[in-house]
């Protein structure tokens, strides 16, 4: 039996940046990432520059990198970008031995994390939904049901 792998369909409106093996607890990085998820690019930069946590600096560099990818590779404008997905995963744990008294060793565990930031261009996304709607109306085979309030005029004095 032959296994066929399905390829993930690339989203044409999103760009991502990934940084791995950051020497930081994933729990501490998630505390910062939860604050910026779903916000615009410019608002995120202001939030990260003013937050007092150590996790802000690597996340800020990662967002700059994702925005540079969007500008250089896809030609997106930074004002139209939002953070559609931001996740923190646990990385490998670095284990060290610290010498103790009487020849013993004390194990020190340093946790690491992987951070993924996905930026999405909302201007193209809105435009494509509008174009899809117009194409759907032109074709007779596709019928989209609209809300009753879209087509009719409601007056508070009418019966």
Protein backbone atom coordinates (compact mmCIF):
# COMPACT_ATOMS: atom_id res chain seq x y z
CA UNK A 1 0.00 0.00 0.00
CA UNK A 2 1.37 3.40 -0.97
CA UNK A 3 0.91 6.31 1.40
CA UNK A 4 0.24 9.61 -0.30
CA UNK A 5 1.03 12.70 1.73
CA UNK A 6 -1.35 15.56 1.38
CA UNK A 7 0.32 18.91 0.99
CA UNK A 8 -0.88 21.76 3.10
CA UNK A 9 -2.43 24.46 1.01
CA UNK A 10 -0.43 27.66 1.37
CA UNK A 11 -2.37 30.66 2.50
CA UNK A 12 -1.59 33.47 0.06
CA UNK A 13 -2.34 36.20 2.59
CA UNK A 14 -0.15 35.10 5.50
CA UNK A 15 3.56 35.10 6.30
CA UNK A 16 5.24 33.46 9.26
CA UNK A 17 8.46 33.54 11.23
CA UNK A 18 9.73 30.82 13.55
CA UNK A 19 12.41 30.93 16.22
CA UNK A 20 13.54 27.80 17.98
CA UNK A 21 15.49 26.92 21.12
CA UNK A 22 14.95 30.20 22.98
CA UNK A 23 16.35 29.83 26.52
CA UNK A 24 13.11 30.68 28.28
CA UNK A 25 10.22 28.89 29.90
CA UNK A 26 7.28 28.39 27.50
CA UNK A 27 4.93 29.48 30.28
CA UNK A 28 6.66 32.88 30.57
CA UNK A 29 6.64 33.38 26.79
CA UNK A 30 2.94 32.44 26.55
CA UNK A 31 2.13 35.17 29.06
CA UNK A 32 3.36 37.75 26.54
CA UNK A 33 2.11 36.04 23.37
CA UNK A 34 -1.45 35.88 24.71
CA UNK A 35 -1.48 39.68 24.97
CA UNK A 36 -0.59 40.27 21.30
CA UNK A 37 -2.63 37.59 19.51
CA UNK A 38 -5.18 39.11 17.12
CA UNK A 39 -3.81 42.67 17.28
CA UNK A 40 -2.44 44.81 14.48
CA UNK A 41 1.28 44.97 13.75
CA UNK A 42 1.76 48.58 14.89
CA UNK A 43 -0.25 48.10 18.08
CA UNK A 44 1.78 44.98 18.89
CA UNK A 45 5.07 46.86 18.60
CA UNK A 46 3.88 49.47 21.08
CA UNK A 47 2.67 46.84 23.54
CA UNK A 48 5.89 44.83 23.41
CA UNK A 49 8.13 47.87 23.85
CA UNK A 50 6.29 48.91 27.00
CA UNK A 51 5.84 45.52 28.69
CA UNK A 52 8.38 44.81 31.45
CA UNK A 53 8.93 41.09 30.74
CA UNK A 54 12.14 39.50 29.51
CA UNK A 55 10.20 37.47 26.92
CA UNK A 56 9.22 40.65 25.04
CA UNK A 57 12.59 41.16 23.35
CA UNK A 58 12.83 37.84 21.42
CA UNK A 59 9.14 38.07 20.48
CA UNK A 60 9.65 41.65 19.25
CA UNK A 61 12.59 40.55 17.10
CA UNK A 62 10.49 37.70 15.71
CA UNK A 63 7.63 40.02 14.78
CA UNK A 64 10.08 42.38 13.07
CA UNK A 65 11.40 39.38 11.13
CA UNK A 66 7.90 38.25 10.10
CA UNK A 67 7.06 41.78 8.94
CA UNK A 68 10.29 41.93 6.93
CA UNK A 69 9.34 38.60 5.32
CA UNK A 70 5.92 40.02 4.45
CA UNK A 71 7.39 43.19 2.96
CA UNK A 72 10.25 41.57 1.05
CA UNK A 73 8.79 38.25 -0.10
CA UNK A 74 5.12 39.12 -0.62
CA UNK A 75 5.15 42.92 -1.02
CA UNK A 76 2.65 43.55 1.80
CA UNK A 77 2.20 46.89 3.55
CA UNK A 78 2.97 46.79 7.29
CA UNK A 79 -0.11 48.86 8.15
CA UNK A 80 -2.39 46.08 6.85
CA UNK A 81 -0.84 43.25 8.88
CA UNK A 82 -2.41 41.59 11.90
CA UNK A 83 -1.12 38.76 14.07
CA UNK A 84 -3.44 35.93 13.12
CA UNK A 85 -1.60 33.15 14.93
CA UNK A 86 0.99 33.22 17.68
CA UNK A 87 1.99 30.07 19.47
CA UNK A 88 4.63 28.93 21.92
CA UNK A 89 5.69 25.28 22.05
CA UNK A 90 7.98 23.55 24.46
CA UNK A 91 11.48 22.83 23.19
CA UNK A 92 14.19 20.51 24.43
CA UNK A 93 15.28 20.70 28.04
CA UNK A 94 18.99 21.38 28.58
CA UNK A 95 20.30 19.37 31.54
CA UNK A 96 23.45 20.37 33.42
CA UNK A 97 25.14 18.96 36.49
CA UNK A 98 26.11 21.34 39.25
CA UNK A 99 28.74 19.99 41.67
CA UNK A 100 27.54 19.59 45.24
CA UNK A 101 29.19 18.56 48.51
CA UNK A 102 30.74 15.10 48.97
CA UNK A 103 31.13 14.49 45.24
CA UNK A 104 27.46 14.62 44.41
CA UNK A 105 25.88 16.32 41.43
CA UNK A 106 22.72 18.38 41.35
CA UNK A 107 20.76 18.32 38.08
CA UNK A 108 19.81 21.73 36.67
CA UNK A 109 17.09 21.74 34.00
CA UNK A 110 16.90 24.72 31.61
CA UNK A 111 13.74 24.71 29.54
CA UNK A 112 13.61 26.11 26.00
CA UNK A 113 10.73 27.08 23.75
CA UNK A 114 9.84 27.49 20.08
CA UNK A 115 7.82 30.57 19.06
CA UNK A 116 5.83 30.85 15.82
CA UNK A 117 4.29 34.14 14.66
CA UNK A 118 1.92 34.29 11.66
CA UNK A 119 1.05 37.67 10.16
CA UNK A 120 -1.97 38.02 7.90
CA UNK A 121 -2.71 40.76 5.38
CA UNK A 122 -6.29 41.86 6.02
CA UNK A 123 -6.61 44.23 3.07
CA UNK A 124 -6.18 41.45 0.51
CA UNK A 125 -8.40 39.11 2.51
CA UNK A 126 -11.31 41.59 2.51
CA UNK A 127 -10.79 42.29 -1.19
CA UNK A 128 -10.80 38.60 -2.12
CA UNK A 129 -14.02 37.92 -0.18
CA UNK A 130 -15.68 40.80 -2.02
CA UNK A 131 -14.45 39.50 -5.40
CA UNK A 132 -15.61 35.98 -4.52
CA UNK A 133 -19.05 37.35 -3.67
CA UNK A 134 -19.28 39.23 -6.98
CA UNK A 135 -18.22 36.16 -8.96
CA UNK A 136 -20.81 34.13 -7.08
CA UNK A 137 -23.56 36.60 -8.00
CA UNK A 138 -22.54 36.59 -11.68
CA UNK A 139 -22.72 32.80 -11.91
CA UNK A 140 -26.30 31.55 -11.79
CA UNK A 141 -25.31 28.19 -10.28
CA UNK A 142 -24.11 29.71 -7.03
CA UNK A 143 -26.74 31.33 -4.83
CA UNK A 144 -25.76 33.02 -1.59
CA UNK A 145 -28.54 33.64 0.87
CA UNK A 146 -28.49 37.19 2.12
CA UNK A 147 -29.97 38.59 5.31
CA UNK A 148 -33.44 40.01 5.02
CA UNK A 149 -32.18 43.36 6.26
CA UNK A 150 -29.75 43.67 3.33
CA UNK A 151 -32.36 43.94 0.58
CA UNK A 152 -35.36 45.59 2.22
CA UNK A 153 -35.89 48.98 3.74
CA UNK A 154 -37.40 48.90 7.21
CA UNK A 155 -39.20 51.88 8.61
CA UNK A 156 -40.47 52.07 12.15
CA UNK A 157 -43.78 53.55 10.93
CA UNK A 158 -44.55 50.91 8.33
CA UNK A 159 -47.02 48.13 9.11
